[in-house]
Amino acid sequence: MLDAVSRDEWIASFACAAGVQPPSVDEITELLELAATAAHGSERTAAPLACWVAGRSGLELAELRQIAQRVGEGSIEPGSASGPDRRSRG
């Protein structure tokens, strides 16, 4: 049986293998709060998927958490394009 690896050790190894820096302590907190918002506003499986979307978006975590909060409050309709205008970004 393998010895248990801590969350931070696993993430550090995964980040290294993926060629990126692991998240900072503040980023971990923001990501976990984003995941909690998604999981509590929908099905639990929304949490990892929200984090995947966050990683692809290029937006700051604080902005993403605000967007997730608005989605949870019903301020953004499912499937609407109410987020930032991505066309102007390169």
C-alpha atoms as a PDB file:
ATOM      1  CA  MET A   1       0.000   0.000   0.000  1.00  0.00           C
ATOM      2  CA  LEU A   2       1.287   3.465  -0.870  1.00  0.00           C
ATOM      3  CA  ASP A   3       1.932   6.032   1.828  1.00  0.00           C
ATOM      4  CA  ALA A   4      -0.586   8.840   1.825  1.00  0.00           C
ATOM      5  CA  VAL A   5       0.597  11.936   0.018  1.00  0.00           C
ATOM      6  CA  SER A   6      -0.588  15.297   1.295  1.00  0.00           C
ATOM      7  CA  ARG A   7      -2.750  17.548  -0.859  1.00  0.00           C
ATOM      8  CA  ASP A   8       0.069  20.068  -1.188  1.00  0.00           C
ATOM      9  CA  GLU A   9       2.634  17.407  -2.144  1.00  0.00           C
ATOM     10  CA  TRP A  10       0.286  15.960  -4.759  1.00  0.00           C
ATOM     11  CA  ILE A  11      -0.506  19.402  -6.211  1.00  0.00           C
ATOM     12  CA  ALA A  12       3.188  20.348  -6.293  1.00  0.00           C
ATOM     13  CA  SER A  13       4.045  17.143  -8.173  1.00  0.00           C
ATOM     14  CA  PHE A  14       1.099  17.577 -10.544  1.00  0.00           C
ATOM     15  CA  ALA A  15       2.006  21.224 -11.231  1.00  0.00           C
ATOM     16  CA  CYS A  16       5.635  20.314 -11.894  1.00  0.00           C
ATOM     17  CA  ALA A  17       4.652  17.534 -14.293  1.00  0.00           C
ATOM     18  CA  ALA A  18       2.259  19.948 -16.044  1.00  0.00           C
ATOM     19  CA  GLY A  19       5.009  22.552 -16.369  1.00  0.00           C
ATOM     20  CA  VAL A  20       3.413  25.218 -14.164  1.00  0.00           C
ATOM     21  CA  GLN A  21       3.998  26.671 -10.734  1.00  0.00           C
ATOM     22  CA  PRO A  22       1.852  25.239  -7.952  1.00  0.00           C
ATOM     23  CA  PRO A  23      -0.741  27.628  -6.514  1.00  0.00           C
ATOM     24  CA  SER A  24       0.289  29.919  -3.684  1.00  0.00           C
ATOM     25  CA  VAL A  25      -1.382  29.693  -0.277  1.00  0.00           C
ATOM     26  CA  ASP A  26      -3.648  32.622  -1.242  1.00  0.00           C
ATOM     27  CA  GLU A  27      -4.499  31.034  -4.597  1.00  0.00           C
ATOM     28  CA  ILE A  28      -5.360  27.756  -2.872  1.00  0.00           C
ATOM     29  CA  THR A  29      -7.739  29.618  -0.569  1.00  0.00           C
ATOM     30  CA  GLU A  30      -9.357  31.424  -3.522  1.00  0.00           C
ATOM     31  CA  LEU A  31      -9.691  28.209  -5.548  1.00  0.00           C
ATOM     32  CA  LEU A  32     -11.227  26.319  -2.641  1.00  0.00           C
ATOM     33  CA  GLU A  33     -13.703  29.157  -2.074  1.00  0.00           C
ATOM     34  CA  LEU A  34     -14.561  29.166  -5.788  1.00  0.00           C
ATOM     35  CA  ALA A  35     -15.079  25.401  -5.665  1.00  0.00           C
ATOM     36  CA  ALA A  36     -17.270  25.726  -2.566  1.00  0.00           C
ATOM     37  CA  THR A  37     -19.418  28.380  -4.230  1.00  0.00           C
ATOM     38  CA  ALA A  38     -19.894  26.138  -7.272  1.00  0.00           C
ATOM     39  CA  ALA A  39     -20.599  23.025  -5.216  1.00  0.00           C
ATOM     40  CA  HIS A  40     -23.132  24.764  -2.987  1.00  0.00           C
ATOM     41  CA  GLY A  41     -24.849  26.503  -5.885  1.00  0.00           C
ATOM     42  CA  SER A  42     -25.281  23.352  -7.970  1.00  0.00           C
ATOM     43  CA  GLU A  43     -24.216  19.744  -7.941  1.00  0.00           C
ATOM     44  CA  ARG A  44     -20.949  18.938  -6.175  1.00  0.00           C
ATOM     45  CA  THR A  45     -19.343  18.049  -9.494  1.00  0.00           C
ATOM     46  CA  ALA A  46     -19.618  21.708 -10.502  1.00  0.00           C
ATOM     47  CA  ALA A  47     -16.651  22.445  -8.204  1.00  0.00           C
ATOM     48  CA  PRO A  48     -13.826  20.818 -10.196  1.00  0.00           C
ATOM     49  CA  LEU A  49     -15.399  21.902 -13.462  1.00  0.00           C
ATOM     50  CA  ALA A  50     -15.580  25.524 -12.253  1.00  0.00           C
ATOM     51  CA  CYS A  51     -11.889  25.344 -11.394  1.00  0.00           C
ATOM     52  CA  TRP A  52     -11.138  23.993 -14.878  1.00  0.00           C
ATOM     53  CA  VAL A  53     -13.061  26.901 -16.416  1.00  0.00           C
ATOM     54  CA  ALA A  54     -11.188  29.283 -14.096  1.00  0.00           C
ATOM     55  CA  GLY A  55      -7.846  27.942 -15.288  1.00  0.00           C
ATOM     56  CA  ARG A  56      -8.804  28.353 -18.930  1.00  0.00           C
ATOM     57  CA  SER A  57     -10.266  31.843 -18.499  1.00  0.00           C
ATOM     58  CA  GLY A  58      -7.118  33.803 -17.735  1.00  0.00           C
ATOM     59  CA  LEU A  59      -9.135  35.898 -15.253  1.00  0.00           C
ATOM     60  CA  GLU A  60      -8.023  36.735 -11.728  1.00  0.00           C
ATOM     61  CA  LEU A  61      -9.380  34.451  -9.011  1.00  0.00           C
ATOM     62  CA  ALA A  62     -11.102  37.324  -7.206  1.00  0.00           C
ATOM     63  CA  GLU A  63     -13.000  38.195 -10.401  1.00  0.00           C
ATOM     64  CA  LEU A  64     -13.916  34.555 -10.941  1.00  0.00           C
ATOM     65  CA  ARG A  65     -15.272  34.282  -7.407  1.00  0.00           C
ATOM     66  CA  GLN A  66     -17.457  37.350  -8.038  1.00  0.00           C
ATOM     67  CA  ILE A  67     -18.754  35.782 -11.251  1.00  0.00           C
ATOM     68  CA  ALA A  68     -19.466  32.510  -9.424  1.00  0.00           C
ATOM     69  CA  GLN A  69     -21.320  34.435  -6.720  1.00  0.00           C
ATOM     70  CA  ARG A  70     -23.467  36.180  -9.343  1.00  0.00           C
ATOM     71  CA  VAL A  71     -24.236  32.852 -11.013  1.00  0.00           C
ATOM     72  CA  GLY A  72     -25.253  31.461  -7.615  1.00  0.00           C
ATOM     73  CA  GLU A  73     -27.504  34.442  -6.983  1.00  0.00           C
ATOM     74  CA  GLY A  74     -29.159  34.009 -10.365  1.00  0.00           C
ATOM     75  CA  SER A  75     -27.768  37.310 -11.668  1.00  0.00           C
ATOM     76  CA  ILE A  76     -26.238  35.470 -14.617  1.00  0.00           C
ATOM     77  CA  GLU A  77     -28.532  33.135 -16.508  1.00  0.00           C
ATOM     78  CA  PRO A  78     -27.232  29.668 -17.413  1.00  0.00           C
ATOM     79  CA  GLY A  79     -25.578  29.721 -20.825  1.00  0.00           C
ATOM     80  CA  SER A  80     -25.618  33.515 -21.115  1.00  0.00           C
ATOM     81  CA  ALA A  81     -22.611  35.493 -22.295  1.00  0.00           C
ATOM     82  CA  SER A  82     -22.718  37.940 -19.375  1.00  0.00           C
ATOM     83  CA  GLY A  83     -19.069  37.494 -18.494  1.00  0.00           C
ATOM     84  CA  PRO A  84     -16.115  39.615 -19.601  1.00  0.00           C
ATOM     85  CA  ASP A  85     -15.772  40.278 -23.324  1.00  0.00           C
ATOM     86  CA  ARG A  86     -13.030  37.816 -24.312  1.00  0.00           C
ATOM     87  CA  ARG A  87     -12.835  38.904 -27.967  1.00  0.00           C
ATOM     88  CA  SER A  88     -10.492  41.786 -27.204  1.00  0.00           C
ATOM     89  CA  ARG A  89      -7.907  39.548 -25.494  1.00  0.00           C
ATOM     90  CA  GLY A  90      -5.119  37.981 -27.477  1.00  0.00           C
END
